[in-house]
Each structure stands twice: as C-alpha cells, then as structure tokens.
Amino acid sequence: MDTQSYVPVQPGVGMEENFLSLDDILLSHERLPIRTECIFPRLGFLEKSGDTQDIPEGTKMELPLWLTKGLYERKKKVLSVELPKVYREGWRTVFNADPKVVDLHKMGPYYYGLGSQMLHFDSPENLEIAQTLLQTFIGRFRRTMDSSQNAYNEDTSVLVERLDCLEKNLFRSGQSGLHGFQSWEKGQASQLTASSLVLNYRKRKLADVQP
C-alpha cells in the first residue's frame, strides 16, 4: 500500500487562498513595500532602521502579505501599499512584449499568486495588472506544457528553474499525465475497478430485492 507522510495540498486559485497549502503559506510571507498613514504605537521594533518606540506616520517599510492584508482598510486608511517593481508599468511592458523570455522564478517565485493578491488593494493599476497576469500566463502556458511532454525521462532542472511556482505545478502535472498515458499504452496501467460507492449501492439494491 502506498503511504505518504504528507499529501500535497493545491494552492488557492486567483485571489482565494488555501491555508492548508504550503505554497500559499509561503506566499503569505512575501514582503510588500508599504507606507504608514498613521502612527503605529509601540510597534517601533518592527522598523529595524529606527530606534523609536512608535512607528511614525509616513514611514516606508516592508511587511509580509498576511499582515498587510490584515491591516489594510479602504475606509480608514492605516497604510498604503506600493506595487512591487515586477508589477509596475516598466515590467508590464516587458511581459506584454514577450513573456516567454522572462525568468519568473527570479522575479517571484510566486509571480501569479502575489500578483493576484495585489488586487485586494485599491490601485488605479489593478486592471492593467490583472490583464498582464492573464496574458503572461497564456503566453507561457503552451511552452510549459510542451516542455513537460517532450522532456520525459530527462533532466528537467534547467527547464523548470525559470518557472513560477504555479507553472512548476503545471509542468509536473503534464509529466504525470504523460507517464500515466504511456503506462496505459504499454498495458502497465492498474486494472480499473468499480468504486466502493458503486459496490455498496449494488449490495443495497441486492438486499432490497432479496426476499
């Protein structure tokens, strides 16, 4: 029997998060540049460059995504979030020109995940960010899946080292699907069996018709 100490949990999709996913937990610790819009009393220890007890208004610093989302409010502005450089107009132009040449792992490694989370914050550039994320994914998807199908039983470290976390999962899924198909072609696939739900249903039906 195949036993695993840990069964991977898939990350959430888009702006949603799955708190049982290790990828989403790591994503939530990505640091964002913020600017305080009020005094943060007795939290001066969070600002390493200062030696005051409080964090004064207008301080620029970095906070993890989970804390930034918890403090962010649209009505009462506690802090404002600045765009990480990879989502700014300059880099969006690069992605829109040819997304396949960009090393997303170096940019991220959670380019799509963090970009989707940035849409939680009010920014006049949210629409452009969302469009760039979508077009980048579309532009790189076919190459990622083609690589997963054509590099089976080969060293794929060079191929995947430039991929974002989401793309690496897609790459592994593609290789897993190819492995299953090849096993089926060779007659090595496990025999198909009826599910336990179907078997139990048949037993109940048989018990009902028996006198």
N, C-alpha and C. Protein backbone atom coordinates (compact mmCIF):
# COMPACT_ATOMS: atom_id res chain seq x y z
N MET A 1 0.85 -1.19 0.00
CA MET A 1 0.00 0.00 0.00
C MET A 1 0.88 1.25 0.00
N ASP A 2 0.52 2.21 -0.84
CA ASP A 2 1.30 3.44 -0.96
C ASP A 2 0.95 4.39 0.18
N THR A 3 1.91 4.70 1.00
CA THR A 3 1.66 5.62 2.12
C THR A 3 2.56 6.82 1.98
N GLN A 4 2.03 7.98 2.33
CA GLN A 4 2.78 9.22 2.26
C GLN A 4 2.65 9.95 3.58
N SER A 5 3.77 10.51 4.04
CA SER A 5 3.72 11.28 5.28
C SER A 5 3.06 12.62 5.06
N TYR A 6 3.12 13.09 3.81
CA TYR A 6 2.48 14.37 3.50
C TYR A 6 1.86 14.30 2.12
N VAL A 7 0.58 14.61 2.03
CA VAL A 7 -0.11 14.67 0.75
C VAL A 7 -0.21 16.13 0.35
N PRO A 8 0.43 16.53 -0.76
CA PRO A 8 0.42 17.94 -1.15
C PRO A 8 -0.99 18.48 -1.33
N VAL A 9 -1.20 19.70 -0.83
CA VAL A 9 -2.48 20.39 -0.98
C VAL A 9 -2.28 21.51 -2.00
N GLN A 10 -3.16 21.56 -2.99
CA GLN A 10 -3.01 22.55 -4.05
C GLN A 10 -3.29 23.96 -3.51
N PRO A 11 -2.56 24.95 -4.01
CA PRO A 11 -2.82 26.33 -3.60
C PRO A 11 -4.16 26.82 -4.11
N GLY A 12 -4.63 27.94 -3.52
CA GLY A 12 -5.87 28.52 -3.97
C GLY A 12 -5.75 29.09 -5.38
N VAL A 13 -6.88 29.41 -5.95
CA VAL A 13 -6.93 29.95 -7.31
C VAL A 13 -7.25 31.43 -7.26
N GLY A 14 -6.48 32.22 -8.00
CA GLY A 14 -6.74 33.66 -8.06
C GLY A 14 -6.53 34.33 -6.73
N MET A 15 -7.54 35.11 -6.31
CA MET A 15 -7.44 35.86 -5.07
C MET A 15 -7.74 35.01 -3.85
N GLU A 16 -8.25 33.80 -4.05
CA GLU A 16 -8.56 32.91 -2.94
C GLU A 16 -7.29 32.23 -2.44
N GLU A 17 -7.29 31.87 -1.15
CA GLU A 17 -6.14 31.20 -0.56
C GLU A 17 -6.57 29.89 0.08
N ASN A 18 -5.67 28.93 0.08
CA ASN A 18 -5.90 27.66 0.75
C ASN A 18 -4.87 27.57 1.88
N PHE A 19 -5.33 27.73 3.10
CA PHE A 19 -4.41 27.81 4.23
C PHE A 19 -3.83 26.46 4.63
N LEU A 20 -4.23 25.39 3.92
CA LEU A 20 -3.61 24.08 4.14
C LEU A 20 -2.52 23.82 3.11
N SER A 21 -2.32 24.76 2.21
CA SER A 21 -1.30 24.61 1.16
C SER A 21 0.01 25.25 1.60
N LEU A 22 1.09 24.48 1.51
CA LEU A 22 2.40 25.03 1.87
C LEU A 22 2.79 26.18 0.94
N ASP A 23 2.40 26.08 -0.33
CA ASP A 23 2.71 27.16 -1.27
C ASP A 23 2.02 28.46 -0.86
N ASP A 24 0.76 28.37 -0.43
CA ASP A 24 0.05 29.57 -0.02
C ASP A 24 0.59 30.12 1.30
N ILE A 25 1.05 29.24 2.18
CA ILE A 25 1.66 29.70 3.43
C ILE A 25 2.93 30.48 3.14
N LEU A 26 3.76 29.94 2.25
CA LEU A 26 4.99 30.64 1.87
C LEU A 26 4.67 31.95 1.14
N LEU A 27 3.65 31.92 0.30
CA LEU A 27 3.23 33.13 -0.41
C LEU A 27 2.82 34.22 0.56
N SER A 28 2.12 33.85 1.63
CA SER A 28 1.63 34.85 2.58
C SER A 28 2.75 35.56 3.32
N HIS A 29 3.98 35.01 3.25
CA HIS A 29 5.12 35.64 3.91
C HIS A 29 5.95 36.51 2.96
N GLU A 30 5.52 36.61 1.69
CA GLU A 30 6.18 37.52 0.78
C GLU A 30 6.02 38.95 1.29
N ARG A 31 7.07 39.74 1.23
CA ARG A 31 7.06 41.08 1.81
C ARG A 31 6.67 42.12 0.77
N LEU A 32 5.82 43.08 1.22
CA LEU A 32 5.32 44.14 0.35
C LEU A 32 5.80 45.50 0.86
N PRO A 33 6.14 46.41 -0.04
CA PRO A 33 6.51 47.77 0.37
C PRO A 33 5.25 48.56 0.74
N ILE A 34 5.23 49.15 1.94
CA ILE A 34 4.05 49.89 2.39
C ILE A 34 4.49 51.25 2.94
N ARG A 35 3.52 52.12 3.09
CA ARG A 35 3.73 53.44 3.72
C ARG A 35 2.66 53.62 4.78
N THR A 36 3.06 53.90 6.00
CA THR A 36 2.10 54.08 7.08
C THR A 36 1.35 55.40 6.91
N GLU A 37 0.06 55.38 7.14
CA GLU A 37 -0.78 56.57 7.01
C GLU A 37 -1.23 57.10 8.37
N CYS A 38 -0.72 56.49 9.44
CA CYS A 38 -1.00 56.96 10.80
C CYS A 38 0.12 56.45 11.70
N ILE A 39 0.11 56.86 12.95
CA ILE A 39 1.12 56.39 13.90
C ILE A 39 0.79 54.97 14.35
N PHE A 40 1.79 54.11 14.37
CA PHE A 40 1.65 52.76 14.90
C PHE A 40 2.28 52.74 16.30
N PRO A 41 1.48 52.90 17.36
CA PRO A 41 2.06 52.99 18.71
C PRO A 41 2.68 51.68 19.18
N ARG A 42 3.85 51.80 19.83
CA ARG A 42 4.56 50.69 20.46
C ARG A 42 4.93 49.57 19.48
N LEU A 43 5.07 49.91 18.23
CA LEU A 43 5.47 48.92 17.23
C LEU A 43 6.79 49.31 16.55
N GLY A 44 7.54 50.16 17.22
CA GLY A 44 8.81 50.61 16.66
C GLY A 44 9.80 49.49 16.41
N PHE A 45 9.65 48.38 17.13
CA PHE A 45 10.58 47.25 16.96
C PHE A 45 10.46 46.61 15.58
N LEU A 46 9.33 46.88 14.87
CA LEU A 46 9.17 46.33 13.54
C LEU A 46 10.02 47.06 12.50
N GLU A 47 10.39 48.29 12.81
CA GLU A 47 11.19 49.10 11.90
C GLU A 47 12.64 49.05 12.35
N LYS A 48 13.43 48.25 11.66
CA LYS A 48 14.81 48.00 12.08
C LYS A 48 15.69 49.24 11.97
N SER A 49 15.35 50.14 11.04
CA SER A 49 16.21 51.30 10.82
C SER A 49 15.95 52.42 11.84
N GLY A 50 14.91 52.28 12.63
CA GLY A 50 14.59 53.32 13.62
C GLY A 50 14.85 52.85 15.03
N ASP A 51 14.88 53.80 15.96
CA ASP A 51 15.09 53.45 17.37
C ASP A 51 14.02 54.06 18.25
N THR A 52 12.86 54.40 17.67
CA THR A 52 11.77 54.99 18.43
C THR A 52 10.80 53.90 18.86
N GLN A 53 9.98 54.23 19.87
CA GLN A 53 9.02 53.27 20.38
C GLN A 53 7.85 53.09 19.41
N ASP A 54 7.48 54.17 18.72
CA ASP A 54 6.36 54.12 17.78
C ASP A 54 6.86 54.18 16.34
N ILE A 55 6.02 53.74 15.43
CA ILE A 55 6.29 53.92 14.00
C ILE A 55 5.54 55.17 13.56
N PRO A 56 6.24 56.22 13.16
CA PRO A 56 5.56 57.48 12.81
C PRO A 56 4.82 57.38 11.49
N GLU A 57 3.88 58.27 11.29
CA GLU A 57 3.16 58.35 10.03
C GLU A 57 4.12 58.69 8.89
N GLY A 58 3.90 58.09 7.74
CA GLY A 58 4.74 58.35 6.57
C GLY A 58 5.97 57.47 6.48
N THR A 59 6.10 56.50 7.37
CA THR A 59 7.26 55.60 7.34
C THR A 59 7.10 54.59 6.21
N LYS A 60 8.16 54.41 5.44
CA LYS A 60 8.19 53.40 4.40
C LYS A 60 8.92 52.17 4.91
N MET A 61 8.29 51.02 4.78
CA MET A 61 8.86 49.78 5.28
C MET A 61 8.27 48.61 4.52
N GLU A 62 8.65 47.41 4.89
CA GLU A 62 8.12 46.22 4.26
C GLU A 62 7.42 45.36 5.31
N LEU A 63 6.26 44.83 4.94
CA LEU A 63 5.51 43.93 5.82
C LEU A 63 5.11 42.69 5.04
N PRO A 64 4.98 41.54 5.71
CA PRO A 64 4.53 40.34 4.99
C PRO A 64 3.10 40.51 4.49
N LEU A 65 2.78 39.79 3.45
CA LEU A 65 1.46 39.90 2.82
C LEU A 65 0.33 39.67 3.81
N TRP A 66 0.45 38.64 4.67
CA TRP A 66 -0.65 38.33 5.59
C TRP A 66 -0.93 39.47 6.54
N LEU A 67 0.12 40.16 7.01
CA LEU A 67 -0.06 41.28 7.93
C LEU A 67 -0.59 42.51 7.18
N THR A 68 -0.10 42.72 5.98
CA THR A 68 -0.57 43.85 5.18
C THR A 68 -2.06 43.74 4.89
N LYS A 69 -2.51 42.55 4.53
CA LYS A 69 -3.95 42.35 4.27
C LYS A 69 -4.77 42.55 5.53
N GLY A 70 -4.22 42.13 6.67
CA GLY A 70 -4.95 42.29 7.92
C GLY A 70 -5.09 43.75 8.35
N LEU A 71 -4.10 44.57 8.04
CA LEU A 71 -4.12 45.97 8.45
C LEU A 71 -4.81 46.89 7.43
N TYR A 72 -4.93 46.41 6.21
CA TYR A 72 -5.44 47.28 5.13
C TYR A 72 -6.94 47.47 5.25
N GLU A 73 -7.38 48.72 5.20
CA GLU A 73 -8.79 49.07 5.20
C GLU A 73 -9.03 50.15 4.16
N ARG A 74 -10.15 50.02 3.43
CA ARG A 74 -10.45 51.01 2.40
C ARG A 74 -10.99 52.31 3.00
N LYS A 75 -11.81 52.20 4.05
CA LYS A 75 -12.45 53.39 4.63
C LYS A 75 -11.48 54.15 5.54
N LYS A 76 -10.90 53.45 6.49
CA LYS A 76 -9.95 54.08 7.40
C LYS A 76 -8.55 53.66 6.97
N LYS A 77 -7.85 54.57 6.34
CA LYS A 77 -6.58 54.22 5.73
C LYS A 77 -5.49 54.15 6.80
N VAL A 78 -5.07 52.93 7.12
CA VAL A 78 -3.99 52.71 8.07
C VAL A 78 -2.64 52.68 7.36
N LEU A 79 -2.65 52.11 6.18
CA LEU A 79 -1.42 52.04 5.38
C LEU A 79 -1.78 52.03 3.91
N SER A 80 -0.85 52.42 3.09
CA SER A 80 -0.99 52.32 1.64
C SER A 80 0.06 51.36 1.12
N VAL A 81 -0.30 50.59 0.11
CA VAL A 81 0.57 49.55 -0.43
C VAL A 81 1.16 50.03 -1.75
N GLU A 82 2.47 49.93 -1.86
CA GLU A 82 3.13 50.26 -3.11
C GLU A 82 3.31 49.00 -3.94
N LEU A 83 3.26 49.14 -5.24
CA LEU A 83 3.43 47.99 -6.12
C LEU A 83 4.87 47.50 -6.10
N PRO A 84 5.09 46.20 -5.91
CA PRO A 84 6.44 45.67 -6.15
C PRO A 84 6.84 45.95 -7.59
N LYS A 85 8.13 46.13 -7.83
CA LYS A 85 8.59 46.61 -9.15
C LYS A 85 8.18 45.69 -10.29
N VAL A 86 8.04 44.39 -10.02
CA VAL A 86 7.74 43.45 -11.10
C VAL A 86 6.32 43.66 -11.64
N TYR A 87 5.46 44.36 -10.88
CA TYR A 87 4.09 44.61 -11.34
C TYR A 87 3.90 46.05 -11.83
N ARG A 88 4.96 46.82 -11.84
CA ARG A 88 4.85 48.21 -12.29
C ARG A 88 4.89 48.28 -13.82
N GLU A 89 4.62 49.47 -14.33
CA GLU A 89 4.44 49.65 -15.77
C GLU A 89 5.65 49.20 -16.57
N GLY A 90 6.86 49.49 -16.09
CA GLY A 90 8.06 49.11 -16.84
C GLY A 90 8.15 47.62 -17.09
N TRP A 91 7.93 46.82 -16.05
CA TRP A 91 7.99 45.38 -16.20
C TRP A 91 6.77 44.85 -16.93
N ARG A 92 5.61 45.50 -16.76
CA ARG A 92 4.42 45.06 -17.51
C ARG A 92 4.66 45.17 -19.01
N THR A 93 5.39 46.20 -19.42
CA THR A 93 5.72 46.36 -20.83
C THR A 93 6.57 45.19 -21.32
N VAL A 94 7.52 44.75 -20.50
CA VAL A 94 8.37 43.61 -20.87
C VAL A 94 7.53 42.34 -21.00
N PHE A 95 6.67 42.11 -20.04
CA PHE A 95 5.82 40.91 -20.07
C PHE A 95 4.89 40.92 -21.28
N ASN A 96 4.33 42.07 -21.58
CA ASN A 96 3.41 42.15 -22.71
C ASN A 96 4.12 41.98 -24.04
N ALA A 97 5.41 42.34 -24.09
CA ALA A 97 6.17 42.20 -25.34
C ALA A 97 6.49 40.74 -25.63
N ASP A 98 7.06 40.02 -24.67
CA ASP A 98 7.39 38.61 -24.86
C ASP A 98 7.56 37.95 -23.49
N PRO A 99 6.48 37.40 -22.94
CA PRO A 99 6.56 36.83 -21.58
C PRO A 99 7.43 35.58 -21.50
N LYS A 100 7.71 34.93 -22.62
CA LYS A 100 8.45 33.66 -22.59
C LYS A 100 9.92 33.84 -22.23
N VAL A 101 10.46 35.04 -22.41
CA VAL A 101 11.90 35.24 -22.17
C VAL A 101 12.20 35.61 -20.71
N VAL A 102 11.16 35.83 -19.90
CA VAL A 102 11.36 36.30 -18.53
C VAL A 102 11.59 35.12 -17.59
N ASP A 103 12.55 35.27 -16.69
CA ASP A 103 12.80 34.28 -15.65
C ASP A 103 11.85 34.58 -14.48
N LEU A 104 10.70 33.92 -14.47
CA LEU A 104 9.68 34.22 -13.46
C LEU A 104 10.11 33.80 -12.07
N HIS A 105 10.92 32.74 -11.98
CA HIS A 105 11.37 32.32 -10.65
C HIS A 105 12.22 33.40 -10.00
N LYS A 106 13.05 34.04 -10.79
CA LYS A 106 13.87 35.13 -10.26
C LYS A 106 13.01 36.33 -9.90
N MET A 107 11.92 36.53 -10.62
CA MET A 107 11.01 37.64 -10.34
C MET A 107 10.16 37.39 -9.11
N GLY A 108 9.96 36.12 -8.77
CA GLY A 108 8.97 35.72 -7.77
C GLY A 108 9.53 35.10 -6.52
N PRO A 109 9.30 33.83 -6.35
CA PRO A 109 8.82 32.81 -7.29
C PRO A 109 7.30 32.65 -7.35
N TYR A 110 6.56 33.58 -6.73
CA TYR A 110 5.09 33.49 -6.73
C TYR A 110 4.52 34.65 -7.54
N TYR A 111 4.94 34.73 -8.79
CA TYR A 111 4.53 35.87 -9.62
C TYR A 111 3.01 35.94 -9.77
N TYR A 112 2.39 34.85 -10.16
CA TYR A 112 0.94 34.86 -10.36
C TYR A 112 0.19 34.97 -9.05
N GLY A 113 0.63 34.23 -8.04
CA GLY A 113 -0.05 34.24 -6.75
C GLY A 113 0.00 35.60 -6.09
N LEU A 114 1.19 36.20 -6.02
CA LEU A 114 1.32 37.50 -5.38
C LEU A 114 0.61 38.58 -6.20
N GLY A 115 0.70 38.48 -7.53
CA GLY A 115 0.02 39.44 -8.38
C GLY A 115 -1.49 39.40 -8.17
N SER A 116 -2.05 38.21 -8.02
CA SER A 116 -3.48 38.09 -7.76
C SER A 116 -3.84 38.68 -6.41
N GLN A 117 -2.98 38.48 -5.41
CA GLN A 117 -3.24 39.03 -4.08
C GLN A 117 -3.15 40.56 -4.07
N MET A 118 -2.34 41.13 -4.97
CA MET A 118 -2.23 42.58 -5.04
C MET A 118 -3.55 43.22 -5.44
N LEU A 119 -4.44 42.46 -6.06
CA LEU A 119 -5.73 43.01 -6.47
C LEU A 119 -6.65 43.26 -5.28
N HIS A 120 -6.27 42.77 -4.09
CA HIS A 120 -7.04 43.08 -2.87
C HIS A 120 -6.93 44.56 -2.51
N PHE A 121 -5.86 45.20 -2.95
CA PHE A 121 -5.59 46.58 -2.55
C PHE A 121 -6.04 47.52 -3.66
N ASP A 122 -6.66 48.61 -3.26
CA ASP A 122 -7.12 49.59 -4.24
C ASP A 122 -5.95 50.25 -4.93
N SER A 123 -5.85 50.03 -6.22
CA SER A 123 -4.79 50.64 -7.02
C SER A 123 -5.37 51.00 -8.37
N PRO A 124 -5.09 52.18 -8.88
CA PRO A 124 -5.58 52.53 -10.22
C PRO A 124 -5.02 51.64 -11.32
N GLU A 125 -4.00 50.85 -11.00
CA GLU A 125 -3.37 49.99 -12.00
C GLU A 125 -3.84 48.54 -11.90
N ASN A 126 -4.85 48.27 -11.08
CA ASN A 126 -5.30 46.89 -10.88
C ASN A 126 -5.74 46.22 -12.18
N LEU A 127 -6.46 46.95 -13.02
CA LEU A 127 -6.93 46.37 -14.29
C LEU A 127 -5.75 45.97 -15.16
N GLU A 128 -4.74 46.85 -15.26
CA GLU A 128 -3.57 46.54 -16.08
C GLU A 128 -2.78 45.37 -15.50
N ILE A 129 -2.70 45.30 -14.17
CA ILE A 129 -2.00 44.18 -13.53
C ILE A 129 -2.70 42.87 -13.86
N ALA A 130 -4.03 42.85 -13.70
CA ALA A 130 -4.79 41.63 -13.98
C ALA A 130 -4.64 41.20 -15.43
N GLN A 131 -4.68 42.15 -16.36
CA GLN A 131 -4.53 41.81 -17.78
C GLN A 131 -3.14 41.26 -18.07
N THR A 132 -2.12 41.84 -17.46
CA THR A 132 -0.75 41.35 -17.68
C THR A 132 -0.57 39.95 -17.12
N LEU A 133 -1.13 39.69 -15.93
CA LEU A 133 -1.04 38.34 -15.35
C LEU A 133 -1.68 37.32 -16.29
N LEU A 134 -2.85 37.65 -16.81
CA LEU A 134 -3.56 36.72 -17.69
C LEU A 134 -2.79 36.49 -18.99
N GLN A 135 -2.33 37.57 -19.61
CA GLN A 135 -1.63 37.45 -20.88
C GLN A 135 -0.28 36.74 -20.71
N THR A 136 0.38 36.98 -19.58
CA THR A 136 1.65 36.29 -19.32
C THR A 136 1.42 34.79 -19.17
N PHE A 137 0.38 34.42 -18.44
CA PHE A 137 0.06 33.00 -18.25
C PHE A 137 -0.26 32.34 -19.60
N ILE A 138 -1.10 33.01 -20.38
CA ILE A 138 -1.48 32.46 -21.69
C ILE A 138 -0.25 32.33 -22.59
N GLY A 139 0.60 33.35 -22.57
CA GLY A 139 1.77 33.35 -23.44
C GLY A 139 2.79 32.29 -23.09
N ARG A 140 2.83 31.85 -21.85
CA ARG A 140 3.84 30.88 -21.41
C ARG A 140 3.27 29.47 -21.25
N PHE A 141 1.94 29.34 -21.25
CA PHE A 141 1.32 28.05 -20.91
C PHE A 141 1.69 26.96 -21.91
N ARG A 142 1.55 27.25 -23.21
CA ARG A 142 1.79 26.22 -24.21
C ARG A 142 3.24 25.74 -24.16
N ARG A 143 4.17 26.68 -24.01
CA ARG A 143 5.58 26.29 -23.96
C ARG A 143 5.86 25.43 -22.73
N THR A 144 5.24 25.77 -21.61
CA THR A 144 5.43 24.99 -20.38
C THR A 144 4.93 23.57 -20.56
N MET A 145 3.73 23.41 -21.12
CA MET A 145 3.16 22.08 -21.29
C MET A 145 3.88 21.29 -22.38
N ASP A 146 4.29 21.97 -23.47
CA ASP A 146 5.07 21.27 -24.50
C ASP A 146 6.38 20.73 -23.91
N SER A 147 7.02 21.54 -23.08
CA SER A 147 8.28 21.11 -22.46
C SER A 147 8.06 19.90 -21.55
N SER A 148 6.93 19.88 -20.84
CA SER A 148 6.66 18.77 -19.92
C SER A 148 6.43 17.47 -20.69
N GLN A 149 5.92 17.58 -21.93
CA GLN A 149 5.65 16.38 -22.72
C GLN A 149 6.89 15.89 -23.48
N ASN A 150 7.79 16.81 -23.80
CA ASN A 150 8.94 16.46 -24.65
C ASN A 150 10.23 16.22 -23.87
N ALA A 151 10.16 16.36 -22.55
CA ALA A 151 11.38 16.19 -21.75
C ALA A 151 11.22 15.07 -20.74
N TYR A 152 10.40 14.07 -21.08
CA TYR A 152 10.16 12.97 -20.14
C TYR A 152 11.41 12.10 -20.03
N ASN A 153 11.73 11.67 -18.83
CA ASN A 153 12.92 10.86 -18.54
C ASN A 153 14.22 11.60 -18.83
N GLU A 154 14.18 12.92 -18.80
CA GLU A 154 15.36 13.73 -18.99
C GLU A 154 15.55 14.64 -17.78
N ASP A 155 16.72 15.23 -17.67
CA ASP A 155 16.99 16.19 -16.61
C ASP A 155 16.24 17.49 -16.93
N THR A 156 15.25 17.81 -16.12
CA THR A 156 14.41 18.98 -16.41
C THR A 156 14.75 20.18 -15.51
N SER A 157 15.85 20.10 -14.78
CA SER A 157 16.17 21.17 -13.83
C SER A 157 16.35 22.51 -14.53
N VAL A 158 16.98 22.49 -15.72
CA VAL A 158 17.19 23.73 -16.45
C VAL A 158 15.87 24.30 -16.94
N LEU A 159 14.95 23.41 -17.33
CA LEU A 159 13.65 23.86 -17.83
C LEU A 159 12.81 24.51 -16.75
N VAL A 160 12.80 23.90 -15.56
CA VAL A 160 11.87 24.37 -14.53
C VAL A 160 12.44 25.50 -13.67
N GLU A 161 13.75 25.74 -13.75
CA GLU A 161 14.32 26.75 -12.85
C GLU A 161 13.88 28.16 -13.18
N ARG A 162 13.32 28.37 -14.38
CA ARG A 162 12.83 29.69 -14.77
C ARG A 162 11.33 29.83 -14.59
N LEU A 163 10.69 28.80 -14.03
CA LEU A 163 9.23 28.80 -13.91
C LEU A 163 8.78 29.32 -12.56
N ASP A 164 7.62 29.95 -12.56
CA ASP A 164 6.93 30.35 -11.34
C ASP A 164 6.39 29.09 -10.65
N CYS A 165 6.02 29.21 -9.39
CA CYS A 165 5.52 28.06 -8.62
C CYS A 165 4.31 27.41 -9.29
N LEU A 166 3.38 28.22 -9.77
CA LEU A 166 2.20 27.69 -10.46
C LEU A 166 2.60 26.93 -11.72
N GLU A 167 3.54 27.47 -12.48
CA GLU A 167 3.98 26.80 -13.69
C GLU A 167 4.71 25.50 -13.40
N LYS A 168 5.44 25.45 -12.30
CA LYS A 168 6.11 24.20 -11.93
C LYS A 168 5.09 23.11 -11.62
N ASN A 169 4.00 23.48 -10.95
CA ASN A 169 2.94 22.51 -10.68
C ASN A 169 2.31 22.02 -11.97
N LEU A 170 2.10 22.92 -12.93
CA LEU A 170 1.55 22.53 -14.23
C LEU A 170 2.52 21.60 -14.96
N PHE A 171 3.80 21.92 -14.89
CA PHE A 171 4.83 21.10 -15.53
C PHE A 171 4.80 19.67 -14.97
N ARG A 172 4.74 19.58 -13.63
CA ARG A 172 4.71 18.25 -13.00
C ARG A 172 3.42 17.50 -13.37
N SER A 173 2.30 18.23 -13.45
CA SER A 173 1.04 17.59 -13.83
C SER A 173 1.11 17.06 -15.25
N GLY A 174 1.74 17.84 -16.14
CA GLY A 174 1.90 17.39 -17.51
C GLY A 174 2.73 16.13 -17.61
N GLN A 175 3.82 16.07 -16.87
CA GLN A 175 4.66 14.87 -16.89
C GLN A 175 3.95 13.67 -16.26
N SER A 176 3.19 13.94 -15.22
CA SER A 176 2.45 12.85 -14.58
C SER A 176 1.40 12.29 -15.53
N GLY A 177 0.70 13.19 -16.25
CA GLY A 177 -0.29 12.73 -17.22
C GLY A 177 0.34 11.94 -18.34
N LEU A 178 1.52 12.37 -18.83
CA LEU A 178 2.22 11.64 -19.88
C LEU A 178 2.65 10.26 -19.40
N HIS A 179 3.14 10.20 -18.16
CA HIS A 179 3.56 8.92 -17.59
C HIS A 179 2.37 7.95 -17.52
N GLY A 180 1.22 8.46 -17.07
CA GLY A 180 0.04 7.61 -16.99
C GLY A 180 -0.41 7.12 -18.36
N PHE A 181 -0.35 8.01 -19.37
CA PHE A 181 -0.76 7.61 -20.72
C PHE A 181 0.19 6.56 -21.29
N GLN A 182 1.49 6.76 -21.09
CA GLN A 182 2.46 5.79 -21.62
C GLN A 182 2.31 4.43 -20.92
N SER A 183 2.03 4.45 -19.65
CA SER A 183 1.81 3.19 -18.93
C SER A 183 0.57 2.48 -19.45
N TRP A 184 -0.45 3.24 -19.75
CA TRP A 184 -1.68 2.65 -20.31
C TRP A 184 -1.42 2.05 -21.69
N GLU A 185 -0.64 2.77 -22.52
CA GLU A 185 -0.32 2.25 -23.85
C GLU A 185 0.44 0.92 -23.77
N LYS A 186 1.30 0.79 -22.77
CA LYS A 186 2.12 -0.43 -22.63
C LYS A 186 1.39 -1.52 -21.86
N GLY A 187 0.15 -1.24 -21.45
CA GLY A 187 -0.59 -2.23 -20.70
C GLY A 187 -0.13 -2.36 -19.26
N GLN A 188 0.56 -1.34 -18.77
CA GLN A 188 1.09 -1.39 -17.42
C GLN A 188 0.20 -0.64 -16.42
N ALA A 189 -0.88 -0.08 -16.91
CA ALA A 189 -1.76 0.66 -16.01
C ALA A 189 -2.48 -0.31 -15.09
N SER A 190 -2.79 0.15 -13.90
CA SER A 190 -3.51 -0.71 -12.96
C SER A 190 -4.91 -0.98 -13.48
N GLN A 191 -5.44 -2.14 -13.13
CA GLN A 191 -6.76 -2.54 -13.62
C GLN A 191 -7.83 -1.63 -13.05
N LEU A 192 -8.77 -1.22 -13.93
CA LEU A 192 -9.87 -0.37 -13.48
C LEU A 192 -10.83 -1.19 -12.63
N THR A 193 -11.25 -0.65 -11.52
CA THR A 193 -12.19 -1.32 -10.63
C THR A 193 -13.32 -0.35 -10.30
N ALA A 194 -14.44 -0.92 -9.98
CA ALA A 194 -15.59 -0.10 -9.59
C ALA A 194 -15.31 0.56 -8.25
N SER A 195 -15.84 1.76 -8.09
CA SER A 195 -15.61 2.47 -6.84
C SER A 195 -16.39 1.81 -5.71
N SER A 196 -15.95 2.09 -4.49
CA SER A 196 -16.62 1.50 -3.32
C SER A 196 -18.07 1.98 -3.22
N LEU A 197 -18.34 3.21 -3.67
CA LEU A 197 -19.71 3.73 -3.62
C LEU A 197 -20.63 2.89 -4.52
N VAL A 198 -20.14 2.55 -5.72
CA VAL A 198 -20.94 1.74 -6.64
C VAL A 198 -21.16 0.35 -6.08
N LEU A 199 -20.11 -0.26 -5.53
CA LEU A 199 -20.24 -1.60 -4.96
C LEU A 199 -21.22 -1.63 -3.80
N ASN A 200 -21.15 -0.63 -2.93
CA ASN A 200 -22.08 -0.57 -1.79
C ASN A 200 -23.51 -0.36 -2.26
N TYR A 201 -23.67 0.44 -3.31
CA TYR A 201 -25.02 0.68 -3.85
C TYR A 201 -25.61 -0.62 -4.40
N ARG A 202 -24.77 -1.39 -5.10
CA ARG A 202 -25.24 -2.67 -5.65
C ARG A 202 -25.64 -3.64 -4.54
N LYS A 203 -24.86 -3.63 -3.46
CA LYS A 203 -25.17 -4.52 -2.34
C LYS A 203 -26.52 -4.15 -1.73
N ARG A 204 -26.76 -2.83 -1.59
CA ARG A 204 -28.03 -2.39 -1.02
C ARG A 204 -29.19 -2.76 -1.93
N LYS A 205 -29.01 -2.58 -3.24
CA LYS A 205 -30.06 -2.93 -4.20
C LYS A 205 -30.35 -4.42 -4.15
N LEU A 206 -29.28 -5.23 -4.04
CA LEU A 206 -29.45 -6.68 -3.98
C LEU A 206 -30.20 -7.09 -2.71
N ALA A 207 -29.88 -6.42 -1.61
CA ALA A 207 -30.54 -6.73 -0.33
C ALA A 207 -32.01 -6.35 -0.39
N ASP A 208 -32.34 -5.31 -1.16
CA ASP A 208 -33.73 -4.85 -1.24
C ASP A 208 -34.60 -5.83 -2.03
N VAL A 209 -34.02 -6.46 -3.06
CA VAL A 209 -34.82 -7.33 -3.92
C VAL A 209 -34.90 -8.76 -3.38
N GLN A 210 -33.97 -9.11 -2.49
CA GLN A 210 -33.99 -10.46 -1.94
C GLN A 210 -35.13 -10.60 -0.95
N PRO A 211 -35.84 -11.76 -0.97
CA PRO A 211 -36.95 -11.98 -0.02
C PRO A 211 -36.45 -12.16 1.39
